[in-house]
C-alpha atoms as a PDB file:
ATOM      1  CA  MET A   1     -50.839-104.808 -59.142  1.00  0.00           C
ATOM      2  CA  ARG A   2     -48.942-107.325 -56.866  1.00  0.00           C
ATOM      3  CA  ASP A   3     -45.900-106.811 -58.131  1.00  0.00           C
ATOM      4  CA  ILE A   4     -45.787-103.417 -56.626  1.00  0.00           C
ATOM      5  CA  PHE A   5     -43.392-102.991 -53.327  1.00  0.00           C
ATOM      6  CA  GLU A   6     -43.228 -99.128 -52.580  1.00  0.00           C
ATOM      7  CA  CYS A   7     -45.591 -96.432 -53.237  1.00  0.00           C
ATOM      8  CA  LYS A   8     -44.537 -92.839 -52.579  1.00  0.00           C
ATOM      9  CA  VAL A   9     -47.787 -90.139 -52.502  1.00  0.00           C
ATOM     10  CA  MET A  10     -47.790 -86.391 -52.849  1.00  0.00           C
ATOM     11  CA  ILE A  11     -51.053 -84.655 -51.713  1.00  0.00           C
ATOM     12  CA  VAL A  12     -51.702 -81.071 -51.789  1.00  0.00           C
ATOM     13  CA  ASP A  13     -54.254 -81.501 -49.228  1.00  0.00           C
ATOM     14  CA  MET A  14     -53.612 -83.815 -46.134  1.00  0.00           C
ATOM     15  CA  LYS A  15     -57.274 -83.132 -45.442  1.00  0.00           C
ATOM     16  CA  ASN A  16     -58.051 -85.598 -48.554  1.00  0.00           C
ATOM     17  CA  TRP A  17     -55.926 -88.116 -47.087  1.00  0.00           C
ATOM     18  CA  PRO A  18     -58.999 -90.668 -45.945  1.00  0.00           C
ATOM     19  CA  LEU A  19     -60.573 -90.272 -48.967  1.00  0.00           C
ATOM     20  CA  PHE A  20     -57.412 -90.943 -51.087  1.00  0.00           C
ATOM     21  CA  ASN A  21     -56.847 -93.878 -48.646  1.00  0.00           C
ATOM     22  CA  LYS A  22     -60.169 -95.338 -49.344  1.00  0.00           C
ATOM     23  CA  ILE A  23     -59.450 -95.119 -53.209  1.00  0.00           C
ATOM     24  CA  TYR A  24     -56.043 -96.509 -52.706  1.00  0.00           C
ATOM     25  CA  THR A  25     -56.680 -99.722 -50.750  1.00  0.00           C
ATOM     26  CA  LEU A  26     -59.202-100.508 -53.757  1.00  0.00           C
ATOM     27  CA  PHE A  27     -56.564-100.970 -56.027  1.00  0.00           C
ATOM     28  CA  PHE A  28     -54.617-103.758 -54.014  1.00  0.00           C
ATOM     29  CA  ASP A  29     -55.296-107.123 -52.502  1.00  0.00           C
ATOM     30  CA  GLY A  30     -56.725-106.194 -49.189  1.00  0.00           C
ATOM     31  CA  HIS A  31     -54.524-108.719 -47.406  1.00  0.00           C
ATOM     32  CA  ARG A  32     -51.229-106.849 -48.540  1.00  0.00           C
ATOM     33  CA  LEU A  33     -50.636-103.098 -49.450  1.00  0.00           C
ATOM     34  CA  PRO A  34     -47.242-101.850 -50.445  1.00  0.00           C
ATOM     35  CA  ALA A  35     -44.638 -99.755 -48.480  1.00  0.00           C
ATOM     36  CA  ARG A  36     -45.959 -96.822 -48.567  1.00  0.00           C
ATOM     37  CA  SER A  37     -44.686 -92.898 -47.900  1.00  0.00           C
ATOM     38  CA  ALA A  38     -47.118 -89.718 -48.022  1.00  0.00           C
ATOM     39  CA  PHE A  39     -45.564 -86.117 -48.919  1.00  0.00           C
ATOM     40  CA  GLY A  40     -47.616 -83.232 -48.114  1.00  0.00           C
ATOM     41  CA  VAL A  41     -46.979 -80.660 -50.923  1.00  0.00           C
ATOM     42  CA  ALA A  42     -47.591 -76.752 -52.077  1.00  0.00           C
ATOM     43  CA  ASP A  43     -48.215 -77.802 -55.836  1.00  0.00           C
ATOM     44  CA  LEU A  44     -48.255 -80.543 -58.429  1.00  0.00           C
ATOM     45  CA  ALA A  45     -47.836 -80.144 -62.199  1.00  0.00           C
ATOM     46  CA  LEU A  46     -51.053 -79.526 -64.144  1.00  0.00           C
ATOM     47  CA  GLY A  47     -53.188 -78.786 -61.018  1.00  0.00           C
ATOM     48  CA  ARG A  48     -53.442 -82.366 -60.030  1.00  0.00           C
ATOM     49  CA  LYS A  49     -54.282 -83.106 -56.228  1.00  0.00           C
ATOM     50  CA  VAL A  50     -52.642 -86.339 -55.896  1.00  0.00           C
ATOM     51  CA  GLU A  51     -49.427 -87.808 -57.521  1.00  0.00           C
ATOM     52  CA  VAL A  52     -48.399 -91.463 -56.710  1.00  0.00           C
ATOM     53  CA  THR A  53     -45.393 -93.155 -57.726  1.00  0.00           C
ATOM     54  CA  CYS A  54     -45.186 -97.099 -57.593  1.00  0.00           C
ATOM     55  CA  GLN A  55     -42.264 -99.255 -57.878  1.00  0.00           C
ATOM     56  CA  ALA A  56     -42.649-103.058 -58.682  1.00  0.00           C
ATOM     57  CA  ALA A  57     -40.478-106.097 -59.272  1.00  0.00           C
ATOM     58  CA  ARG A  58     -41.098-109.206 -61.015  1.00  0.00           C
ATOM     59  CA  THR A  59     -39.440-112.650 -60.804  1.00  0.00           C
ATOM     60  CA  VAL A  60     -38.855-114.324 -63.908  1.00  0.00           C
ATOM     61  CA  SER A  61     -37.654-117.548 -64.645  1.00  0.00           C
ATOM     62  CA  LEU A  62     -34.555-118.544 -66.349  1.00  0.00           C
ATOM     63  CA  VAL A  63     -36.607-120.073 -68.979  1.00  0.00           C
ATOM     64  CA  GLY A  64     -38.856-117.439 -69.506  1.00  0.00           C
ATOM     65  CA  LYS A  65     -35.880-115.026 -69.845  1.00  0.00           C
ATOM     66  CA  MET A  66     -34.346-117.073 -72.450  1.00  0.00           C
ATOM     67  CA  GLN A  67     -37.502-117.796 -74.358  1.00  0.00           C
ATOM     68  CA  TYR A  68     -37.662-113.980 -74.659  1.00  0.00           C
ATOM     69  CA  VAL A  69     -34.123-113.388 -75.810  1.00  0.00           C
ATOM     70  CA  VAL A  70     -34.770-116.119 -78.351  1.00  0.00           C
ATOM     71  CA  ARG A  71     -37.971-114.594 -79.778  1.00  0.00           C
ATOM     72  CA  SER A  72     -36.600-111.279 -79.432  1.00  0.00           C
ATOM     73  CA  LEU A  73     -32.992-112.444 -81.714  1.00  0.00           C
ATOM     74  CA  PHE A  74     -34.797-115.064 -83.937  1.00  0.00           C
ATOM     75  CA  GLY A  75     -38.758-113.553 -84.108  1.00  0.00           C
ATOM     76  CA  LYS A  76     -39.948-116.947 -83.074  1.00  0.00           C
END
């Protein structure tokens, strides 16, 4: 979860924001929350009350990338 840098939250009833926020913060280190945008929406697919999309980035060393390429090509 520490690789997540941004989340977008779509919530049907903004009155539930405080409850959502309590639950949301449980998923992340208390000292670092990702940037976040929230939108009140009229409805969500499949009758959901909340939808969250997140973006993450991970830095991989060049050595790690090369090892991955070698394993992918040669199965080692």
